[in-house]
Structures are given as C-alpha cells and as structure tokens.
C-alpha cells in the first residue's frame, strides 16, 4: 500500500514514512492510492471477531510495511478492556466501542471509554504505540507539534507521555476549552509534554501548525511530526469502529445502517466515508455541526466558506468550534475524481481565506453517490437534546453527542438503524450539564479533582516565529 498527496506533487510513500511526516511536502494530505475493497466473505468472517482482531484485519490492508506479527501485537496492546475501561450505560468493555440502545433502531456508540474520555483515544493510543515502534526500529526521534480545540490535545498527550524519543508541543486556544479539558492537558508533569495556550481561536493554533509543517527546512531540521487528524494513521484507526458499530447494530450483512457524526475537523466522518468506500453497507452519513456550520453549509449548498477568527463562535460544544476543517480536503479529493490539480486550485483559495463553490460543477452532481446529509445544532438545541435524552432514555449525553443526536433525529431512514457516535463523556462538560439538568455528571474515580492539580502551560500570541523559537529552545 502506497500513499499519495491530495495536491499531487509528492512522491508516493509507505505507511511508516507518512506516519512520521504528517502533511505531505506539497502541503497536501496523504491518502491511499486506492481504497481496499471488502467482499462479502470478509464481512461474514469479520462479524465474529473481537475488536482488536477486527482492527488488525482492517489496518493490515493499509499498513503493509510493518510485519504482520508486529502489527498484530501493537493492535492487541492498544485495544484491551483494561485501557478502554470507562464504559457507561452498562456497556461491555470487551466490545471496546459498545452500543447503547436508545430505542428500536436508534443507538449511541461509546467511543469515549479510553483514558481521556474522548473518541480521540481510539486512534491516539494506537498512534502512540506505532510512533514508539517505528522510531525504535529506525533509531530516530520526533517532535510532535499539534493543535487542539479540546480533546485531541489530551488524547495525544496521554498517548505519548513517557514514550521514548517523542516530545509533544500542543497548542490550544487560551480559555476556550472546558475547565476539565484544560486540566487534563495542563496538569501533566511529564518532561516530554509542553502546552502552549494561544491567545486566539483554534483556527489560529491550527494555522500555526500548518505553517510550521509547510516550512520544509525547519520541519526536517527539527524532526517535526503531527498527531492531528491530518495524520493518516488517525483516520485509519477510526475506520475500525464503523465496522464494529455496523456488526453490533445488525444481524446480517444484508442490512444497512446510518451513522450520525458530530464534526469539526472532518476526521471522524472522513473515516466513515472511507469505510463506505471500502464496501461497508452505510446508507447514510449524517454530519452534525454546531453554530460553526461551515461544513453543513457546504453539504447543503456546495459552497465552502471558511470563517475568520472573528466570525467563529465560542460554543458549549467547543471541540467543534472550527471554521477550517483540515480533513475536508481528503473528501473533496475523492469528490472531484481524485484530481490533484482541482484540489490545489480550490485550496489556493482556502489558504487565502476565500470560498469556493462547487454547486454548478459536474463534481456536485456526484454528491448523492457519497451518501452525505447534514444539519446544525445550537446551544439551546443541545440543552434541549440533553434534557430529552435524559428524560426519554435515561442516558446522559455530552454536548457534542447531543448535537449529533439532534441532527440524527432529523435524518432517520425507515427500517435503517441509526448510530450516533458518542464523541466524549459528559464529565468533560460539567458546566453545560449543570445548565441542562441541574446535576453533576458522573466522573470516573481516577479523574476526580483533576482541576485542583498543578498546571503547566505557557500563554503566547498566535505568532508562527515565536512558536518556532519556543520549540527550538526546548529541543
């Protein structure tokens, strides 16, 4: 399996090379040269597998430069009930991502049972093990530069803490995350973890990461890597739980399902798109945004119009307070027939803060083939949905999953199970849960009182050169 850039000006690479590199040298994102196709016999065999064995079978189709026995061991080390033990609603920890039945044909899928209570753990824990394995084999080190709107940062830091040959520099928007999210990141005292709070929005932090990654000389000299969802391994790992959710919600492989996905950076639902392209019987992918509805606007109108920092709303589902979805480029690459010239032209506009409009193109006429629908949710919507789920189903939702359920209910298909991906546990958003329900969400014992721990963070202006100097001084 070789990987190509969405912009078309980078040589095809093997998995381990793009694992360490993040962005392609031409500024594009890596994707497989073609998606492996899953036949009915494989689906039938996979239905019986444990999560770890299922993950191995799927990832082995994308990772061909790690010996099978080594890959199987890495996957087995990652996906154990001991790591994903924070189950809720009576879920079976052995399933890793169990379903919670709300009513006939309507489920949530628990993706937030890992150490940081967010779905990012599902990929990040694997990424940490892969990084350590490849770096040890090559005798190399890496310095990870990332940006987070809430959950990516803590998931990355918990996955990489104490790993040899790895340092993590994580940018976050100063004061824009929940108190719990800040505490998860800033309370870590590991010597290889550095937190930088940027006085701006998430997009400012993400722009810095992209700018540094696009400085080829600096990136090479200081061995800069990425763990944001621009890293293909993150997306690949997330493909697995779409298959698992499908198997848990159906009795045979003749059935179809729909998935509703709260979406900010388009990484999670991009994995669903790829699972569908591989042949998983997904009838519909339901994309849910919050007030920052750039993606919803595109899927309704064909216009992709990134917002400025001033136009980006600070919301009660902060992990989706994003106006430039970095993984969206991967989907557009497929939408335009995998033509890198078209993608390069479109993103030349995006990089200048301009919009593009596909509504009158032949590409837009192919949109129905991809199975997407979308909708948005506001603060009052998510408050009402949290109250609805608690009252109707006795299930407490976090704010992002509430956005997903709200939009899912607008797009259900008759006789097709709808699976809403749970992206975080309510404990991460106590302020909004108190507003909605007048009670405290249950918090795992091992995370009690985390806000009271000493915190390490440096506050900086959103300045690329200043961040570069910060990195150099600490390497």
Protein backbone atom coordinates (compact mmCIF):
# COMPACT_ATOMS: atom_id res chain seq x y z
CA UNK A 1 0.00 0.00 0.00
CA UNK A 2 1.39 3.37 -1.09
CA UNK A 3 0.13 6.83 -0.19
CA UNK A 4 -0.29 9.86 -2.43
CA UNK A 5 -0.86 13.55 -1.73
CA UNK A 6 -4.16 15.30 -2.40
CA UNK A 7 -2.12 18.01 -4.16
CA UNK A 8 -0.26 15.63 -6.47
CA UNK A 9 3.31 16.89 -6.07
CA UNK A 10 4.75 14.41 -3.59
CA UNK A 11 6.26 11.02 -4.34
CA UNK A 12 4.19 8.01 -3.20
CA UNK A 13 5.20 6.90 0.29
CA UNK A 14 4.90 3.84 2.51
CA UNK A 15 2.81 3.95 5.68
CA UNK A 16 5.68 4.31 8.18
CA UNK A 17 7.08 7.27 6.24
CA UNK A 18 3.82 9.22 6.25
CA UNK A 19 3.21 8.21 9.89
CA UNK A 20 6.18 10.31 10.93
CA UNK A 21 5.71 13.08 8.39
CA UNK A 22 2.13 14.32 8.81
CA UNK A 23 1.47 16.77 5.96
CA UNK A 24 2.84 15.94 2.53
CA UNK A 25 5.75 18.15 1.33
CA UNK A 26 3.43 19.87 -1.16
CA UNK A 27 1.03 20.89 1.61
CA UNK A 28 -1.49 18.19 0.80
CA UNK A 29 -2.79 15.30 2.87
CA UNK A 30 -1.93 11.68 2.30
CA UNK A 31 -4.47 9.08 1.17
CA UNK A 32 -4.07 5.52 -0.13
CA UNK A 33 -3.56 5.24 -3.87
CA UNK A 34 -6.84 3.32 -3.80
CA UNK A 35 -9.18 2.10 -1.06
CA UNK A 36 -9.11 -1.65 -0.40
CA UNK A 37 -12.42 -3.30 -1.23
CA UNK A 38 -14.10 -5.60 1.28
CA UNK A 39 -16.04 -8.56 -0.09
CA UNK A 40 -18.97 -10.38 1.47
CA UNK A 41 -16.86 -13.31 2.65
CA UNK A 42 -14.61 -10.94 4.61
CA UNK A 43 -17.59 -9.17 6.15
CA UNK A 44 -19.05 -12.51 7.21
CA UNK A 45 -15.75 -13.57 8.79
CA UNK A 46 -15.15 -10.22 10.49
CA UNK A 47 -18.57 -10.20 12.17
CA UNK A 48 -17.29 -12.83 14.63
CA UNK A 49 -14.04 -11.09 15.60
CA UNK A 50 -13.04 -9.24 18.76
CA UNK A 51 -12.38 -5.52 18.38
CA UNK A 52 -8.59 -5.99 18.41
CA UNK A 53 -8.74 -8.75 15.79
CA UNK A 54 -11.11 -6.67 13.65
CA UNK A 55 -8.77 -3.70 13.93
CA UNK A 56 -5.85 -5.85 12.83
CA UNK A 57 -7.69 -7.17 9.75
CA UNK A 58 -8.68 -3.66 8.64
CA UNK A 59 -5.39 -1.93 9.44
CA UNK A 60 -3.38 -4.69 7.76
CA UNK A 61 -4.96 -3.58 4.48
CA UNK A 62 -3.48 -0.10 4.96
CA UNK A 63 -0.20 -0.94 6.73
CA UNK A 64 1.94 -3.26 4.65
CA UNK A 65 5.42 -2.18 5.78
CA UNK A 66 5.14 -3.46 9.37
CA UNK A 67 5.49 -7.25 9.73
CA UNK A 68 2.05 -8.80 10.37
CA UNK A 69 3.05 -10.31 13.72
CA UNK A 70 4.38 -6.96 14.95
CA UNK A 71 1.27 -5.09 13.77
CA UNK A 72 -0.99 -7.63 15.44
CA UNK A 73 0.91 -7.23 18.71
CA UNK A 74 0.70 -3.41 18.54
CA UNK A 75 -3.05 -3.53 17.89
CA UNK A 76 -3.63 -6.08 20.67
CA UNK A 77 -1.64 -3.89 23.08
CA UNK A 78 -3.80 -0.90 22.17
CA UNK A 79 -7.33 -2.28 22.22
CA UNK A 80 -7.78 -4.01 25.56
CA UNK A 81 -10.58 -3.68 28.07
CA UNK A 82 -8.01 -2.51 30.61
CA UNK A 83 -7.34 0.60 28.50
CA UNK A 84 -10.97 1.21 27.49
CA UNK A 85 -12.49 0.64 30.92
CA UNK A 86 -14.55 3.83 31.36
CA UNK A 87 -17.75 2.27 29.98
CA UNK A 88 -21.15 3.75 30.75
CA UNK A 89 -24.79 2.69 30.45
CA UNK A 90 -23.96 -0.94 31.14
CA UNK A 91 -21.70 -1.23 28.10
CA UNK A 92 -19.47 -4.28 27.68
CA UNK A 93 -15.85 -3.12 27.97
CA UNK A 94 -14.72 -6.13 25.95
CA UNK A 95 -16.51 -4.67 22.91
CA UNK A 96 -14.30 -1.54 23.26
CA UNK A 97 -16.95 0.60 21.48
CA UNK A 98 -20.27 -0.88 22.71
CA UNK A 99 -23.69 0.35 21.58
CA UNK A 100 -26.26 1.87 23.91
CA UNK A 101 -29.79 1.24 22.66
CA UNK A 102 -31.99 4.32 22.99
CA UNK A 103 -34.99 2.79 21.23
CA UNK A 104 -35.62 0.36 18.39
CA UNK A 105 -33.32 1.34 15.54
CA UNK A 106 -31.59 4.18 17.43
CA UNK A 107 -28.25 3.78 19.22
CA UNK A 108 -25.26 5.66 20.52
CA UNK A 109 -21.85 4.08 20.10
CA UNK A 110 -19.48 4.60 23.03
CA UNK A 111 -16.18 5.84 21.65
CA UNK A 112 -15.10 7.65 24.80
CA UNK A 113 -14.12 4.82 27.12
CA UNK A 114 -10.39 5.48 26.88
CA UNK A 115 -8.13 7.31 29.34
CA UNK A 116 -9.21 10.88 28.38
CA UNK A 117 -12.95 10.16 27.91
CA UNK A 118 -12.97 11.27 24.27
CA UNK A 119 -13.15 9.41 20.96
CA UNK A 120 -9.70 10.70 20.05
CA UNK A 121 -8.24 7.99 22.30
CA UNK A 122 -9.45 5.35 19.82
CA UNK A 123 -6.82 6.46 17.32
CA UNK A 124 -4.31 8.24 19.51
CA UNK A 125 -3.49 5.25 21.71
CA UNK A 126 -2.62 3.28 18.58
CA UNK A 127 -0.65 6.23 17.21
CA UNK A 128 1.48 6.36 20.37
CA UNK A 129 2.35 2.68 20.07
CA UNK A 130 3.06 2.98 16.34
CA UNK A 131 5.30 6.01 16.84
CA UNK A 132 7.33 4.29 19.53
CA UNK A 133 7.68 1.12 17.44
CA UNK A 134 8.79 2.87 14.23
CA UNK A 135 11.14 5.30 16.00
CA UNK A 136 12.81 2.47 17.92
CA UNK A 137 13.25 0.46 14.72
CA UNK A 138 14.81 3.42 12.94
CA UNK A 139 16.80 4.80 15.86
CA UNK A 140 15.14 8.19 15.39
CA UNK A 141 13.26 10.76 17.48
CA UNK A 142 10.32 13.04 16.71
CA UNK A 143 8.92 16.32 17.98
CA UNK A 144 5.17 16.46 17.65
CA UNK A 145 3.50 19.81 17.05
CA UNK A 146 -0.28 19.76 17.30
CA UNK A 147 -3.32 21.94 17.80
CA UNK A 148 -6.43 21.10 19.76
CA UNK A 149 -9.89 22.55 20.23
CA UNK A 150 -10.40 20.40 23.30
CA UNK A 151 -9.94 16.65 23.05
CA UNK A 152 -7.12 15.96 20.59
CA UNK A 153 -4.53 17.52 22.89
CA UNK A 154 -5.23 15.48 25.98
CA UNK A 155 -5.63 12.28 23.95
CA UNK A 156 -2.27 12.90 22.25
CA UNK A 157 -0.50 13.76 25.47
CA UNK A 158 -1.85 10.75 27.33
CA UNK A 159 -0.86 8.51 24.41
CA UNK A 160 2.65 9.95 24.12
CA UNK A 161 3.54 10.70 27.76
CA UNK A 162 6.68 8.87 28.76
CA UNK A 163 7.26 7.48 25.26
CA UNK A 164 10.93 7.44 24.44
CA UNK A 165 12.19 9.51 21.52
CA UNK A 166 8.98 11.63 21.47
CA UNK A 167 8.30 15.20 22.61
CA UNK A 168 4.85 16.81 22.31
CA UNK A 169 4.17 20.53 21.83
CA UNK A 170 0.41 21.12 21.92
CA UNK A 171 -1.27 24.41 21.03
CA UNK A 172 -4.74 25.22 22.36
CA UNK A 173 -6.98 28.33 22.35
CA UNK A 174 -6.43 30.16 25.63
CA UNK A 175 -9.53 29.98 27.86
CA UNK A 176 -11.75 28.45 25.16
CA UNK A 177 -11.83 24.83 26.41
CA UNK A 178 -13.76 23.49 29.39
CA UNK A 179 -12.06 23.53 32.79
CA UNK A 180 -11.86 19.73 32.71
CA UNK A 181 -10.26 19.72 29.26
CA UNK A 182 -7.68 22.29 30.32
CA UNK A 183 -6.87 20.35 33.48
CA UNK A 184 -6.41 17.09 31.59
CA UNK A 185 -3.70 18.65 29.46
CA UNK A 186 -2.08 21.24 31.66
CA UNK A 187 -1.81 19.03 34.77
CA UNK A 188 0.53 16.55 33.08
CA UNK A 189 4.02 16.84 34.53
CA UNK A 190 5.85 14.54 32.11
CA UNK A 191 9.12 16.00 30.87
CA UNK A 192 8.27 15.29 27.21
CA UNK A 193 4.95 17.25 27.27
CA UNK A 194 4.70 21.00 26.56
CA UNK A 195 1.45 23.00 26.49
CA UNK A 196 1.09 26.34 24.69
CA UNK A 197 -2.15 28.36 25.10
CA UNK A 198 -2.61 30.67 22.09
CA UNK A 199 -4.48 33.93 22.60
CA UNK A 200 -6.96 33.28 19.80
CA UNK A 201 -9.25 30.59 18.43
CA UNK A 202 -8.49 27.01 17.46
CA UNK A 203 -8.05 28.01 13.82
CA UNK A 204 -5.19 30.31 14.84
CA UNK A 205 -3.46 27.38 16.52
CA UNK A 206 -4.12 25.08 13.57
CA UNK A 207 -2.79 27.69 11.14
CA UNK A 208 0.47 27.81 13.12
CA UNK A 209 0.83 24.02 12.95
CA UNK A 210 0.27 24.07 9.18
CA UNK A 211 2.70 26.95 8.70
CA UNK A 212 5.44 25.16 10.62
CA UNK A 213 4.71 21.90 8.78
CA UNK A 214 4.93 23.71 5.45
CA UNK A 215 8.40 25.04 6.33
CA UNK A 216 10.22 22.04 4.90
CA UNK A 217 13.67 23.07 6.11
CA UNK A 218 12.55 23.72 9.69
CA UNK A 219 10.43 20.55 9.73
CA UNK A 220 13.34 18.41 8.59
CA UNK A 221 15.97 20.02 10.84
CA UNK A 222 13.88 19.71 14.00
CA UNK A 223 12.09 16.46 13.10
CA UNK A 224 8.57 17.90 13.37
CA UNK A 225 5.71 15.40 13.18
CA UNK A 226 1.94 15.59 13.56
CA UNK A 227 -0.75 13.81 15.55
CA UNK A 228 -3.69 15.94 14.45
CA UNK A 229 -6.14 14.21 12.16
CA UNK A 230 -4.03 15.39 9.23
CA UNK A 231 -2.03 12.28 10.16
CA UNK A 232 -3.44 9.44 8.07
CA UNK A 233 -2.97 6.87 10.86
CA UNK A 234 -5.56 8.73 12.94
CA UNK A 235 -8.16 8.36 10.20
CA UNK A 236 -7.25 4.73 9.51
CA UNK A 237 -7.71 3.74 13.15
CA UNK A 238 -11.16 5.34 13.21
CA UNK A 239 -12.38 3.29 10.26
CA UNK A 240 -12.49 0.26 12.57
CA UNK A 241 -15.32 1.36 14.84
CA UNK A 242 -17.64 1.96 11.89
CA UNK A 243 -17.32 -1.74 11.08
CA UNK A 244 -17.75 -2.64 14.76
CA UNK A 245 -20.84 -0.42 15.08
CA UNK A 246 -22.32 -1.96 11.95
CA UNK A 247 -21.83 -5.50 13.24
CA UNK A 248 -23.30 -4.68 16.67
CA UNK A 249 -26.39 -2.96 15.22
CA UNK A 250 -27.26 -5.61 12.62
CA UNK A 251 -27.89 -9.33 12.47
CA UNK A 252 -26.62 -9.95 8.93
CA UNK A 253 -24.53 -8.28 6.28
CA UNK A 254 -27.61 -7.82 4.09
CA UNK A 255 -28.64 -4.85 6.25
CA UNK A 256 -27.66 -1.21 6.06
CA UNK A 257 -27.04 1.34 8.81
CA UNK A 258 -26.68 5.12 9.10
CA UNK A 259 -24.14 6.96 11.24
CA UNK A 260 -24.57 10.44 12.71
CA UNK A 261 -21.27 12.14 13.46
CA UNK A 262 -20.60 15.42 15.30
CA UNK A 263 -17.98 17.03 13.09
CA UNK A 264 -15.47 19.83 13.47
CA UNK A 265 -12.28 18.87 11.63
CA UNK A 266 -13.96 16.23 9.44
CA UNK A 267 -11.58 13.47 10.58
CA UNK A 268 -14.12 11.20 12.26
CA UNK A 269 -16.70 11.31 9.50
CA UNK A 270 -13.92 11.05 6.90
CA UNK A 271 -13.18 7.62 8.36
CA UNK A 272 -16.86 6.75 7.89
CA UNK A 273 -16.68 7.94 4.29
CA UNK A 274 -13.70 5.66 3.68
CA UNK A 275 -15.42 2.70 5.37
CA UNK A 276 -18.34 3.26 3.00
CA UNK A 277 -16.00 3.46 0.00
CA UNK A 278 -14.46 0.16 1.11
CA UNK A 279 -17.87 -1.50 0.90
CA UNK A 280 -19.35 -1.26 4.41
CA UNK A 281 -23.15 -1.05 3.90
CA UNK A 282 -23.66 2.51 5.13
CA UNK A 283 -26.88 4.00 3.77
CA UNK A 284 -26.27 7.50 5.06
CA UNK A 285 -23.59 9.58 6.78
CA UNK A 286 -25.21 12.35 8.82
CA UNK A 287 -22.86 15.25 9.52
CA UNK A 288 -23.72 17.43 12.52
CA UNK A 289 -22.17 20.83 13.23
CA UNK A 290 -22.71 23.37 15.97
CA UNK A 291 -23.14 27.09 15.35
CA UNK A 292 -19.90 26.96 13.34
CA UNK A 293 -21.71 25.50 10.37
CA UNK A 294 -19.17 25.76 7.55
CA UNK A 295 -19.47 22.04 6.74
CA UNK A 296 -23.27 21.99 7.00
CA UNK A 297 -23.37 24.94 4.60
CA UNK A 298 -21.22 23.06 2.10
CA UNK A 299 -23.26 19.85 2.14
CA UNK A 300 -26.46 21.85 1.72
CA UNK A 301 -25.27 24.33 -0.91
CA UNK A 302 -21.94 23.29 -2.43
CA UNK A 303 -20.27 26.44 -1.09
CA UNK A 304 -17.28 26.03 1.23
CA UNK A 305 -16.67 29.34 3.00
CA UNK A 306 -14.19 29.21 5.89
CA UNK A 307 -14.89 31.84 8.52
CA UNK A 308 -12.44 34.29 10.01
CA UNK A 309 -11.40 34.07 13.64
CA UNK A 310 -13.80 36.91 14.42
CA UNK A 311 -16.66 35.01 12.78
CA UNK A 312 -16.00 31.75 14.67
CA UNK A 313 -18.36 31.24 17.59
CA UNK A 314 -17.31 30.11 21.05
CA UNK A 315 -19.87 27.45 21.93
CA UNK A 316 -20.78 24.85 24.52
CA UNK A 317 -19.55 22.11 22.16
CA UNK A 318 -16.04 23.62 21.88
CA UNK A 319 -14.32 20.75 20.09
CA UNK A 320 -16.32 21.78 17.01
CA UNK A 321 -15.50 25.48 17.18
CA UNK A 322 -13.62 25.16 13.90
CA UNK A 323 -14.05 27.00 10.62
CA UNK A 324 -11.34 25.30 8.52
CA UNK A 325 -11.82 21.54 8.61
CA UNK A 326 -8.38 20.15 7.80
CA UNK A 327 -9.60 16.67 6.76
CA UNK A 328 -12.22 18.06 4.41
CA UNK A 329 -9.56 18.19 1.71
CA UNK A 330 -9.43 14.38 1.72
CA UNK A 331 -13.13 14.13 0.96
CA UNK A 332 -13.01 16.81 -1.73
CA UNK A 333 -10.15 14.90 -3.37
CA UNK A 334 -12.50 11.92 -3.75
CA UNK A 335 -15.44 14.13 -4.75
CA UNK A 336 -13.54 15.72 -7.66
CA UNK A 337 -12.44 12.35 -9.02
CA UNK A 338 -9.07 12.36 -7.23
CA UNK A 339 -7.80 15.17 -9.44
CA UNK A 340 -4.97 16.87 -7.51
CA UNK A 341 -4.94 19.85 -9.88
CA UNK A 342 -8.53 20.67 -8.93
CA UNK A 343 -7.77 20.29 -5.21
CA UNK A 344 -4.70 22.51 -5.49
CA UNK A 345 -6.75 25.19 -7.21
CA UNK A 346 -9.52 25.02 -4.59
CA UNK A 347 -7.15 25.12 -1.63
CA UNK A 348 -5.20 28.00 -3.09
CA UNK A 349 -8.41 29.91 -2.46
CA UNK A 350 -8.93 28.43 1.01
CA UNK A 351 -5.39 29.30 2.04
CA UNK A 352 -6.17 32.92 1.15
CA UNK A 353 -9.31 32.86 3.25
CA UNK A 354 -11.55 32.68 0.18
CA UNK A 355 -14.55 30.47 -0.52
CA UNK A 356 -15.13 28.03 -3.35
CA UNK A 357 -18.39 26.95 -4.94
CA UNK A 358 -18.90 23.51 -6.49
CA UNK A 359 -22.68 23.75 -6.83
CA UNK A 360 -22.66 24.32 -10.60
CA UNK A 361 -19.94 21.76 -11.38
CA UNK A 362 -20.08 18.18 -12.57
CA UNK A 363 -18.48 17.22 -9.27
CA UNK A 364 -21.51 18.40 -7.29
CA UNK A 365 -23.79 16.21 -9.39
CA UNK A 366 -21.94 13.21 -7.93
CA UNK A 367 -22.62 14.18 -4.31
CA UNK A 368 -25.61 11.83 -3.87
CA UNK A 369 -23.26 8.90 -4.55
CA UNK A 370 -21.40 9.67 -1.33
CA UNK A 371 -24.40 9.39 0.99
CA UNK A 372 -23.98 12.61 2.99
CA UNK A 373 -26.67 14.72 4.63
CA UNK A 374 -26.09 17.41 7.25
CA UNK A 375 -27.58 19.73 9.84
CA UNK A 376 -26.61 22.10 12.62
CA UNK A 377 -27.35 22.42 16.32
CA UNK A 378 -27.30 25.50 18.54
CA UNK A 379 -26.78 25.92 22.26
CA UNK A 380 -30.49 25.78 23.02
CA UNK A 381 -30.78 22.73 20.74
CA UNK A 382 -28.10 20.84 22.65
CA UNK A 383 -29.57 21.83 26.03
CA UNK A 384 -32.96 20.54 24.90
CA UNK A 385 -31.45 17.36 23.44
CA UNK A 386 -29.52 16.61 26.64
CA UNK A 387 -32.78 17.02 28.57
CA UNK A 388 -34.66 14.89 26.04
CA UNK A 389 -32.16 12.03 26.16
CA UNK A 390 -32.08 12.05 29.94
CA UNK A 391 -35.86 12.15 30.24
CA UNK A 392 -36.75 9.73 27.45
CA UNK A 393 -33.86 7.26 27.57
CA UNK A 394 -32.21 7.86 30.97
CA UNK A 395 -28.96 8.46 29.09
CA UNK A 396 -26.75 11.48 29.76
CA UNK A 397 -25.08 12.94 26.67
CA UNK A 398 -22.16 15.29 26.33
CA UNK A 399 -22.70 18.45 24.34
CA UNK A 400 -21.18 17.20 21.06
CA UNK A 401 -23.07 13.92 21.07
CA UNK A 402 -26.23 15.94 21.75
CA UNK A 403 -25.53 17.87 18.54
CA UNK A 404 -25.20 14.52 16.77
CA UNK A 405 -28.46 13.14 18.16
CA UNK A 406 -30.38 16.32 17.33
CA UNK A 407 -29.35 16.14 13.67
CA UNK A 408 -29.70 12.34 13.55
CA UNK A 409 -33.37 12.58 14.53
CA UNK A 410 -33.93 14.89 11.56
CA UNK A 411 -32.45 12.40 9.09
CA UNK A 412 -33.59 8.91 10.10
CA UNK A 413 -34.50 6.45 7.35
CA UNK A 414 -37.30 3.89 7.78
CA UNK A 415 -36.02 0.47 8.86
CA UNK A 416 -32.37 1.60 8.85
CA UNK A 417 -30.62 1.59 12.25
CA UNK A 418 -29.19 5.00 13.16
CA UNK A 419 -25.97 5.01 15.19
CA UNK A 420 -24.97 8.30 16.81
CA UNK A 421 -21.24 8.36 17.53
CA UNK A 422 -20.63 9.41 21.13
CA UNK A 423 -17.58 11.62 20.99
CA UNK A 424 -16.96 12.37 24.68
CA UNK A 425 -18.32 11.71 28.15
CA UNK A 426 -20.48 14.32 29.91
CA UNK A 427 -17.89 14.75 32.68
CA UNK A 428 -15.80 16.81 30.28
CA UNK A 429 -18.52 19.47 30.04
CA UNK A 430 -19.86 19.82 33.55
CA UNK A 431 -20.90 23.46 33.18
CA UNK A 432 -23.37 22.73 30.38
CA UNK A 433 -24.65 19.53 32.01
CA UNK A 434 -25.45 21.55 35.14
CA UNK A 435 -27.28 24.11 33.00
CA UNK A 436 -29.29 21.43 31.19
CA UNK A 437 -30.05 19.01 34.01
CA UNK A 438 -29.24 20.76 37.27
CA UNK A 439 -26.95 17.91 38.31
CA UNK A 440 -23.34 16.84 38.08
CA UNK A 441 -22.27 14.24 35.54
CA UNK A 442 -20.62 11.12 36.90
CA UNK A 443 -16.85 11.30 36.72
CA UNK A 444 -14.52 8.27 36.82
CA UNK A 445 -12.79 7.93 40.19
CA UNK A 446 -9.32 8.25 38.67
CA UNK A 447 -10.20 11.71 37.30
CA UNK A 448 -11.75 13.18 40.45
CA UNK A 449 -10.35 16.58 41.44
CA UNK A 450 -8.16 16.91 38.35
CA UNK A 451 -8.82 20.67 38.16
CA UNK A 452 -7.05 21.14 41.51
CA UNK A 453 -3.77 19.66 40.32
CA UNK A 454 -0.85 22.00 39.50
CA UNK A 455 -0.88 23.07 35.85
CA UNK A 456 1.96 23.74 33.39
CA UNK A 457 1.15 25.95 30.39
CA UNK A 458 2.75 28.85 28.54
CA UNK A 459 0.49 31.55 27.09
CA UNK A 460 1.60 33.04 23.77
CA UNK A 461 0.30 35.21 20.96
CA UNK A 462 -0.58 33.35 17.73
CA UNK A 463 2.82 34.03 16.16
CA UNK A 464 4.47 31.37 13.99
CA UNK A 465 8.02 32.61 14.55
CA UNK A 466 7.52 32.84 18.31
CA UNK A 467 6.28 29.26 18.41
CA UNK A 468 9.28 28.14 16.36
CA UNK A 469 11.63 29.83 18.83
CA UNK A 470 9.78 28.17 21.73
CA UNK A 471 10.29 24.75 20.14
CA UNK A 472 13.98 25.29 19.36
CA UNK A 473 14.71 26.41 22.90
CA UNK A 474 13.27 23.18 24.30
CA UNK A 475 14.69 20.62 21.88
